[in-house]
Amino acid sequence: MTSERVETGGDRLAALAAGLPRPVRFLAVGCIGLLTDLSAFTAILTYAPHPLAVRVVSLALATLVTWRLNRALTFAPSARAQHHEAVRYAIVTAAAQGTSYAVFAVLVLALPGRLPHIALLAGAAIGAFVSYHGHRLFAFAPVGRDIAPQGVPRP
């Protein structure tokens, strides 16, 4: 009896993603995260009209989605335990999402009554830059390849 592996949709997606450059995979995952963020933001905004509070919830949902997808499709396994990697991911994501939220909040407060979705997109674009480099250099960096504070790779 031969052992044949049944290919799942996740296997096909991972194989397709592996053929793409890492920045393209990151942007694709980011687009899915952004759609999650925008969808949750829009849905919750109809029930809780304060955009600053609603964005906290939508960012949290988007972060969960992007962590799982980035771990599976964008970055190679780091050889760390999943919970250690999750903590590192959370640190980077807090910095990136904090940046995104700060840009969002400034725009919402500076332009009250205007389209908060535009502020969300502006914040997401700036946060994506912080996120990509933080995840590449810290959260998913191979063990022993972390960047020291001076920017020199650790041995």
N, C-alpha and C. Protein backbone atom coordinates (compact mmCIF):
# COMPACT_ATOMS: atom_id res chain seq x y z
N MET A 1 0.85 -1.17 0.00
CA MET A 1 0.00 0.00 0.00
C MET A 1 0.89 1.23 0.00
N THR A 2 0.66 2.13 -0.93
CA THR A 2 1.47 3.34 -1.01
C THR A 2 0.83 4.44 -0.21
N SER A 3 1.67 5.28 0.28
CA SER A 3 1.20 6.42 1.07
C SER A 3 1.19 7.66 0.19
N GLU A 4 0.00 8.10 -0.19
CA GLU A 4 -0.11 9.31 -1.01
C GLU A 4 -0.57 10.44 -0.12
N ARG A 5 0.06 11.56 -0.35
CA ARG A 5 -0.31 12.75 0.42
C ARG A 5 -1.47 13.45 -0.27
N VAL A 6 -2.47 13.76 0.48
CA VAL A 6 -3.61 14.49 -0.06
C VAL A 6 -3.28 15.97 0.04
N GLU A 7 -3.31 16.62 -1.12
CA GLU A 7 -2.99 18.04 -1.14
C GLU A 7 -4.22 18.84 -0.76
N THR A 8 -4.05 19.73 0.19
CA THR A 8 -5.16 20.57 0.65
C THR A 8 -5.04 21.94 0.02
N GLY A 9 -6.06 22.75 0.19
CA GLY A 9 -6.03 24.12 -0.30
C GLY A 9 -4.90 24.91 0.34
N GLY A 10 -4.62 24.62 1.61
CA GLY A 10 -3.53 25.31 2.30
C GLY A 10 -2.18 24.95 1.72
N ASP A 11 -2.02 23.67 1.33
CA ASP A 11 -0.77 23.23 0.70
C ASP A 11 -0.58 23.94 -0.64
N ARG A 12 -1.64 24.02 -1.42
CA ARG A 12 -1.55 24.69 -2.73
C ARG A 12 -1.25 26.17 -2.56
N LEU A 13 -1.88 26.79 -1.58
CA LEU A 13 -1.64 28.20 -1.33
C LEU A 13 -0.20 28.43 -0.89
N ALA A 14 0.30 27.59 -0.02
CA ALA A 14 1.69 27.71 0.44
C ALA A 14 2.66 27.51 -0.72
N ALA A 15 2.38 26.56 -1.60
CA ALA A 15 3.24 26.32 -2.75
C ALA A 15 3.22 27.53 -3.70
N LEU A 16 2.07 28.09 -3.93
CA LEU A 16 1.95 29.28 -4.77
C LEU A 16 2.70 30.45 -4.14
N ALA A 17 2.52 30.64 -2.85
CA ALA A 17 3.16 31.75 -2.14
C ALA A 17 4.68 31.61 -2.16
N ALA A 18 5.18 30.38 -2.06
CA ALA A 18 6.62 30.15 -2.03
C ALA A 18 7.31 30.64 -3.30
N GLY A 19 6.59 30.70 -4.40
CA GLY A 19 7.16 31.16 -5.66
C GLY A 19 7.19 32.67 -5.80
N LEU A 20 6.60 33.37 -4.87
CA LEU A 20 6.56 34.83 -4.93
C LEU A 20 7.62 35.44 -4.02
N PRO A 21 8.15 36.60 -4.38
CA PRO A 21 9.11 37.27 -3.49
C PRO A 21 8.44 37.62 -2.16
N ARG A 22 9.25 37.60 -1.09
CA ARG A 22 8.72 37.86 0.26
C ARG A 22 7.95 39.18 0.36
N PRO A 23 8.44 40.30 -0.20
CA PRO A 23 7.64 41.53 -0.09
C PRO A 23 6.26 41.42 -0.73
N VAL A 24 6.14 40.66 -1.81
CA VAL A 24 4.84 40.48 -2.46
C VAL A 24 3.93 39.66 -1.55
N ARG A 25 4.48 38.60 -0.94
CA ARG A 25 3.68 37.79 0.00
C ARG A 25 3.23 38.64 1.17
N PHE A 26 4.14 39.48 1.70
CA PHE A 26 3.81 40.34 2.82
C PHE A 26 2.68 41.31 2.45
N LEU A 27 2.79 41.90 1.26
CA LEU A 27 1.74 42.83 0.82
C LEU A 27 0.40 42.12 0.62
N ALA A 28 0.44 40.88 0.10
CA ALA A 28 -0.80 40.13 -0.08
C ALA A 28 -1.47 39.84 1.27
N VAL A 29 -0.66 39.39 2.23
CA VAL A 29 -1.18 39.15 3.58
C VAL A 29 -1.69 40.47 4.17
N GLY A 30 -0.94 41.53 3.95
CA GLY A 30 -1.36 42.85 4.44
C GLY A 30 -2.69 43.28 3.85
N CYS A 31 -2.90 42.98 2.57
CA CYS A 31 -4.19 43.32 1.95
C CYS A 31 -5.33 42.54 2.59
N ILE A 32 -5.09 41.28 2.90
CA ILE A 32 -6.12 40.49 3.59
C ILE A 32 -6.36 41.06 4.98
N GLY A 33 -5.29 41.43 5.67
CA GLY A 33 -5.44 42.06 6.98
C GLY A 33 -6.18 43.39 6.89
N LEU A 34 -5.85 44.16 5.85
CA LEU A 34 -6.53 45.45 5.66
C LEU A 34 -8.01 45.26 5.38
N LEU A 35 -8.34 44.26 4.56
CA LEU A 35 -9.76 43.96 4.31
C LEU A 35 -10.47 43.53 5.59
N THR A 36 -9.77 42.75 6.41
CA THR A 36 -10.33 42.36 7.71
C THR A 36 -10.56 43.59 8.57
N ASP A 37 -9.55 44.46 8.63
CA ASP A 37 -9.63 45.69 9.41
C ASP A 37 -10.78 46.58 8.92
N LEU A 38 -10.83 46.82 7.61
CA LEU A 38 -11.89 47.68 7.05
C LEU A 38 -13.28 47.08 7.26
N SER A 39 -13.40 45.77 7.06
CA SER A 39 -14.71 45.12 7.22
C SER A 39 -15.19 45.19 8.66
N ALA A 40 -14.30 44.84 9.59
CA ALA A 40 -14.68 44.90 11.00
C ALA A 40 -14.97 46.33 11.42
N PHE A 41 -14.13 47.26 10.99
CA PHE A 41 -14.32 48.68 11.32
C PHE A 41 -15.68 49.16 10.84
N THR A 42 -16.01 48.87 9.58
CA THR A 42 -17.28 49.32 9.00
C THR A 42 -18.47 48.67 9.71
N ALA A 43 -18.37 47.37 9.98
CA ALA A 43 -19.48 46.67 10.63
C ALA A 43 -19.71 47.18 12.05
N ILE A 44 -18.64 47.32 12.80
CA ILE A 44 -18.78 47.74 14.21
C ILE A 44 -19.16 49.21 14.30
N LEU A 45 -18.71 50.02 13.34
CA LEU A 45 -19.00 51.46 13.36
C LEU A 45 -20.50 51.74 13.30
N THR A 46 -21.26 50.82 12.72
CA THR A 46 -22.71 51.03 12.66
C THR A 46 -23.36 50.88 14.04
N TYR A 47 -22.69 50.17 14.96
CA TYR A 47 -23.24 49.95 16.31
C TYR A 47 -22.56 50.80 17.38
N ALA A 48 -21.32 51.10 17.18
CA ALA A 48 -20.55 51.91 18.13
C ALA A 48 -19.93 53.05 17.34
N PRO A 49 -20.55 54.20 17.36
CA PRO A 49 -20.17 55.26 16.43
C PRO A 49 -18.85 55.99 16.69
N HIS A 50 -18.13 55.67 17.75
CA HIS A 50 -16.88 56.39 17.98
C HIS A 50 -15.73 55.68 17.28
N PRO A 51 -15.18 56.27 16.20
CA PRO A 51 -14.17 55.57 15.40
C PRO A 51 -12.89 55.21 16.14
N LEU A 52 -12.50 55.98 17.14
CA LEU A 52 -11.26 55.67 17.85
C LEU A 52 -11.39 54.36 18.63
N ALA A 53 -12.53 54.14 19.26
CA ALA A 53 -12.74 52.89 20.00
C ALA A 53 -12.94 51.71 19.05
N VAL A 54 -13.66 51.93 17.98
CA VAL A 54 -13.93 50.87 17.02
C VAL A 54 -12.63 50.38 16.38
N ARG A 55 -11.72 51.31 16.11
CA ARG A 55 -10.47 50.93 15.44
C ARG A 55 -9.62 50.02 16.30
N VAL A 56 -9.68 50.14 17.60
CA VAL A 56 -8.92 49.25 18.48
C VAL A 56 -9.36 47.80 18.25
N VAL A 57 -10.64 47.58 18.16
CA VAL A 57 -11.18 46.24 17.95
C VAL A 57 -10.83 45.72 16.55
N SER A 58 -11.00 46.56 15.54
CA SER A 58 -10.72 46.10 14.17
C SER A 58 -9.24 45.81 13.97
N LEU A 59 -8.37 46.58 14.61
CA LEU A 59 -6.92 46.32 14.54
C LEU A 59 -6.57 44.98 15.19
N ALA A 60 -7.19 44.70 16.31
CA ALA A 60 -6.92 43.43 17.01
C ALA A 60 -7.33 42.24 16.13
N LEU A 61 -8.48 42.31 15.50
CA LEU A 61 -8.91 41.22 14.62
C LEU A 61 -7.97 41.06 13.44
N ALA A 62 -7.60 42.16 12.83
CA ALA A 62 -6.69 42.11 11.68
C ALA A 62 -5.33 41.56 12.08
N THR A 63 -4.87 41.87 13.27
CA THR A 63 -3.57 41.39 13.75
C THR A 63 -3.58 39.87 13.88
N LEU A 64 -4.64 39.30 14.40
CA LEU A 64 -4.73 37.84 14.52
C LEU A 64 -4.67 37.18 13.14
N VAL A 65 -5.38 37.73 12.20
CA VAL A 65 -5.40 37.18 10.84
C VAL A 65 -4.02 37.25 10.21
N THR A 66 -3.37 38.40 10.29
CA THR A 66 -2.08 38.56 9.62
C THR A 66 -0.98 37.75 10.30
N TRP A 67 -1.05 37.57 11.61
CA TRP A 67 -0.03 36.75 12.28
C TRP A 67 -0.05 35.34 11.71
N ARG A 68 -1.23 34.74 11.66
CA ARG A 68 -1.33 33.37 11.17
C ARG A 68 -0.90 33.27 9.70
N LEU A 69 -1.32 34.22 8.89
CA LEU A 69 -0.96 34.15 7.48
C LEU A 69 0.53 34.44 7.25
N ASN A 70 1.08 35.42 7.95
CA ASN A 70 2.51 35.70 7.79
C ASN A 70 3.35 34.52 8.25
N ARG A 71 2.93 33.89 9.33
CA ARG A 71 3.68 32.74 9.83
C ARG A 71 3.63 31.59 8.84
N ALA A 72 2.51 31.42 8.16
CA ALA A 72 2.35 30.29 7.23
C ALA A 72 2.88 30.58 5.83
N LEU A 73 2.79 31.83 5.38
CA LEU A 73 3.06 32.11 3.97
C LEU A 73 4.23 33.05 3.69
N THR A 74 4.52 33.96 4.59
CA THR A 74 5.47 35.01 4.26
C THR A 74 6.88 34.73 4.75
N PHE A 75 7.01 34.39 6.00
CA PHE A 75 8.33 34.24 6.60
C PHE A 75 8.61 32.77 6.91
N ALA A 76 9.84 32.35 6.69
CA ALA A 76 10.23 30.98 7.01
C ALA A 76 10.16 30.79 8.51
N PRO A 77 9.92 29.57 8.95
CA PRO A 77 9.91 29.31 10.39
C PRO A 77 11.23 29.77 11.02
N SER A 78 11.15 30.34 12.20
CA SER A 78 12.32 30.90 12.86
C SER A 78 13.02 29.89 13.76
N ALA A 79 12.50 28.71 13.93
CA ALA A 79 13.00 27.68 14.83
C ALA A 79 12.75 28.02 16.29
N ARG A 80 11.94 29.02 16.55
CA ARG A 80 11.52 29.34 17.91
C ARG A 80 10.20 28.63 18.18
N ALA A 81 9.93 28.43 19.45
CA ALA A 81 8.62 27.91 19.83
C ALA A 81 7.56 28.91 19.38
N GLN A 82 6.39 28.39 19.01
CA GLN A 82 5.34 29.25 18.48
C GLN A 82 4.97 30.37 19.46
N HIS A 83 4.94 30.07 20.77
CA HIS A 83 4.56 31.12 21.72
C HIS A 83 5.65 32.19 21.82
N HIS A 84 6.92 31.83 21.65
CA HIS A 84 7.99 32.85 21.65
C HIS A 84 7.88 33.73 20.42
N GLU A 85 7.63 33.09 19.30
CA GLU A 85 7.47 33.84 18.06
C GLU A 85 6.25 34.77 18.16
N ALA A 86 5.19 34.29 18.79
CA ALA A 86 3.99 35.11 18.95
C ALA A 86 4.27 36.35 19.79
N VAL A 87 5.07 36.21 20.83
CA VAL A 87 5.43 37.36 21.66
C VAL A 87 6.24 38.36 20.84
N ARG A 88 7.20 37.86 20.07
CA ARG A 88 8.01 38.73 19.22
C ARG A 88 7.13 39.42 18.18
N TYR A 89 6.21 38.68 17.61
CA TYR A 89 5.27 39.23 16.63
C TYR A 89 4.43 40.33 17.30
N ALA A 90 3.98 40.08 18.51
CA ALA A 90 3.16 41.06 19.22
C ALA A 90 3.93 42.35 19.49
N ILE A 91 5.21 42.23 19.82
CA ILE A 91 6.03 43.43 20.07
C ILE A 91 6.13 44.28 18.81
N VAL A 92 6.47 43.63 17.70
CA VAL A 92 6.59 44.37 16.44
C VAL A 92 5.24 44.93 16.02
N THR A 93 4.21 44.11 16.15
CA THR A 93 2.88 44.54 15.75
C THR A 93 2.39 45.70 16.61
N ALA A 94 2.71 45.69 17.89
CA ALA A 94 2.32 46.82 18.75
C ALA A 94 2.96 48.11 18.25
N ALA A 95 4.22 48.05 17.86
CA ALA A 95 4.88 49.25 17.33
C ALA A 95 4.24 49.66 16.00
N ALA A 96 4.02 48.71 15.11
CA ALA A 96 3.45 49.03 13.80
C ALA A 96 2.00 49.50 13.93
N GLN A 97 1.20 48.77 14.71
CA GLN A 97 -0.20 49.15 14.87
C GLN A 97 -0.34 50.44 15.68
N GLY A 98 0.60 50.65 16.61
CA GLY A 98 0.61 51.92 17.35
C GLY A 98 0.85 53.09 16.41
N THR A 99 1.78 52.91 15.50
CA THR A 99 2.04 53.94 14.49
C THR A 99 0.81 54.15 13.62
N SER A 100 0.23 53.05 13.16
CA SER A 100 -0.96 53.12 12.32
C SER A 100 -2.11 53.83 13.06
N TYR A 101 -2.30 53.44 14.32
CA TYR A 101 -3.39 54.04 15.10
C TYR A 101 -3.14 55.53 15.36
N ALA A 102 -1.89 55.89 15.62
CA ALA A 102 -1.57 57.30 15.88
C ALA A 102 -1.88 58.16 14.65
N VAL A 103 -1.48 57.69 13.48
CA VAL A 103 -1.79 58.43 12.24
C VAL A 103 -3.30 58.52 12.06
N PHE A 104 -3.99 57.41 12.27
CA PHE A 104 -5.45 57.37 12.17
C PHE A 104 -6.09 58.38 13.13
N ALA A 105 -5.67 58.35 14.40
CA ALA A 105 -6.26 59.23 15.42
C ALA A 105 -6.02 60.70 15.10
N VAL A 106 -4.81 61.04 14.69
CA VAL A 106 -4.52 62.44 14.34
C VAL A 106 -5.42 62.90 13.21
N LEU A 107 -5.58 62.07 12.19
CA LEU A 107 -6.42 62.47 11.06
C LEU A 107 -7.90 62.54 11.44
N VAL A 108 -8.37 61.59 12.23
CA VAL A 108 -9.78 61.62 12.65
C VAL A 108 -10.06 62.85 13.52
N LEU A 109 -9.14 63.16 14.41
CA LEU A 109 -9.34 64.31 15.30
C LEU A 109 -9.13 65.63 14.57
N ALA A 110 -8.23 65.65 13.59
CA ALA A 110 -7.96 66.89 12.85
C ALA A 110 -9.06 67.18 11.83
N LEU A 111 -9.70 66.14 11.34
CA LEU A 111 -10.73 66.30 10.32
C LEU A 111 -12.03 65.63 10.77
N PRO A 112 -12.63 66.12 11.87
CA PRO A 112 -13.82 65.45 12.40
C PRO A 112 -14.95 65.45 11.36
N GLY A 113 -15.66 64.34 11.31
CA GLY A 113 -16.78 64.22 10.39
C GLY A 113 -16.38 63.81 8.98
N ARG A 114 -15.11 63.79 8.69
CA ARG A 114 -14.66 63.37 7.37
C ARG A 114 -14.63 61.83 7.32
N LEU A 115 -14.28 61.29 6.23
CA LEU A 115 -14.27 59.84 6.06
C LEU A 115 -13.20 59.19 6.92
N PRO A 116 -13.59 58.50 7.98
CA PRO A 116 -12.58 57.84 8.82
C PRO A 116 -11.89 56.69 8.10
N HIS A 117 -12.50 56.18 7.03
CA HIS A 117 -11.89 55.10 6.27
C HIS A 117 -10.60 55.56 5.58
N ILE A 118 -10.56 56.81 5.15
CA ILE A 118 -9.34 57.36 4.53
C ILE A 118 -8.23 57.43 5.58
N ALA A 119 -8.58 57.84 6.78
CA ALA A 119 -7.60 57.89 7.88
C ALA A 119 -7.09 56.49 8.19
N LEU A 120 -7.98 55.51 8.15
CA LEU A 120 -7.59 54.13 8.40
C LEU A 120 -6.57 53.67 7.34
N LEU A 121 -6.83 53.96 6.09
CA LEU A 121 -5.92 53.57 5.01
C LEU A 121 -4.57 54.26 5.12
N ALA A 122 -4.57 55.54 5.47
CA ALA A 122 -3.30 56.27 5.62
C ALA A 122 -2.47 55.68 6.75
N GLY A 123 -3.10 55.41 7.86
CA GLY A 123 -2.40 54.80 8.99
C GLY A 123 -1.88 53.42 8.66
N ALA A 124 -2.68 52.64 7.94
CA ALA A 124 -2.27 51.28 7.56
C ALA A 124 -1.06 51.30 6.65
N ALA A 125 -1.00 52.24 5.74
CA ALA A 125 0.14 52.33 4.82
C ALA A 125 1.44 52.61 5.57
N ILE A 126 1.40 53.53 6.50
CA ILE A 126 2.60 53.86 7.27
C ILE A 126 2.96 52.72 8.21
N GLY A 127 1.96 52.12 8.84
CA GLY A 127 2.21 51.00 9.73
C GLY A 127 2.78 49.78 9.01
N ALA A 128 2.44 49.59 7.73
CA ALA A 128 2.95 48.45 6.96
C ALA A 128 4.46 48.50 6.81
N PHE A 129 5.00 49.68 6.63
CA PHE A 129 6.45 49.83 6.50
C PHE A 129 7.15 49.39 7.78
N VAL A 130 6.66 49.87 8.90
CA VAL A 130 7.23 49.49 10.20
C VAL A 130 7.08 47.99 10.42
N SER A 131 5.92 47.47 10.08
CA SER A 131 5.62 46.07 10.29
C SER A 131 6.53 45.14 9.50
N TYR A 132 6.68 45.38 8.22
CA TYR A 132 7.48 44.49 7.39
C TYR A 132 8.91 44.37 7.90
N HIS A 133 9.52 45.50 8.15
CA HIS A 133 10.92 45.46 8.59
C HIS A 133 11.07 44.88 10.00
N GLY A 134 10.14 45.16 10.86
CA GLY A 134 10.20 44.60 12.21
C GLY A 134 10.02 43.09 12.21
N HIS A 135 9.08 42.61 11.41
CA HIS A 135 8.85 41.16 11.35
C HIS A 135 10.02 40.46 10.69
N ARG A 136 10.56 41.05 9.64
CA ARG A 136 11.69 40.44 8.92
C ARG A 136 12.93 40.38 9.78
N LEU A 137 13.18 41.45 10.54
CA LEU A 137 14.43 41.56 11.30
C LEU A 137 14.33 41.07 12.75
N PHE A 138 13.10 40.88 13.25
CA PHE A 138 12.97 40.51 14.66
C PHE A 138 12.01 39.34 14.88
N ALA A 139 10.74 39.51 14.54
CA ALA A 139 9.74 38.49 14.89
C ALA A 139 10.01 37.15 14.23
N PHE A 140 10.32 37.15 12.94
CA PHE A 140 10.54 35.90 12.21
C PHE A 140 12.00 35.71 11.82
N ALA A 141 12.89 36.48 12.40
CA ALA A 141 14.32 36.33 12.09
C ALA A 141 14.79 34.96 12.55
N PRO A 142 15.63 34.31 11.75
CA PRO A 142 16.16 33.02 12.20
C PRO A 142 16.89 33.17 13.53
N VAL A 143 16.87 32.14 14.34
CA VAL A 143 17.56 32.17 15.62
C VAL A 143 19.02 32.51 15.37
N GLY A 144 19.54 33.45 16.17
CA GLY A 144 20.93 33.87 16.03
C GLY A 144 21.13 34.95 15.00
N ARG A 145 20.06 35.37 14.31
CA ARG A 145 20.19 36.41 13.29
C ARG A 145 19.48 37.68 13.70
N ASP A 146 19.15 37.81 14.95
CA ASP A 146 18.51 39.03 15.43
C ASP A 146 19.45 40.20 15.23
N ILE A 147 18.87 41.35 15.06
CA ILE A 147 19.67 42.56 14.88
C ILE A 147 19.91 43.20 16.24
N ALA A 148 21.17 43.47 16.53
CA ALA A 148 21.53 44.13 17.79
C ALA A 148 21.08 45.58 17.72
N PRO A 149 20.95 46.27 18.86
CA PRO A 149 20.50 47.66 18.85
C PRO A 149 21.33 48.57 17.96
N GLN A 150 22.61 48.27 17.78
CA GLN A 150 23.46 49.11 16.95
C GLN A 150 23.29 48.79 15.47
N GLY A 151 22.44 47.83 15.12
CA GLY A 151 22.22 47.47 13.74
C GLY A 151 23.19 46.43 13.22
N VAL A 152 23.98 45.83 14.10
CA VAL A 152 24.95 44.82 13.71
C VAL A 152 24.37 43.45 14.03
N PRO A 153 24.38 42.52 13.04
CA PRO A 153 23.84 41.19 13.37
C PRO A 153 24.59 40.55 14.52
N ARG A 154 23.83 39.90 15.39
CA ARG A 154 24.43 39.17 16.50
C ARG A 154 25.01 37.88 15.96
N PRO A 155 26.12 37.43 16.54
CA PRO A 155 26.71 36.15 16.07
C PRO A 155 25.82 34.97 16.37
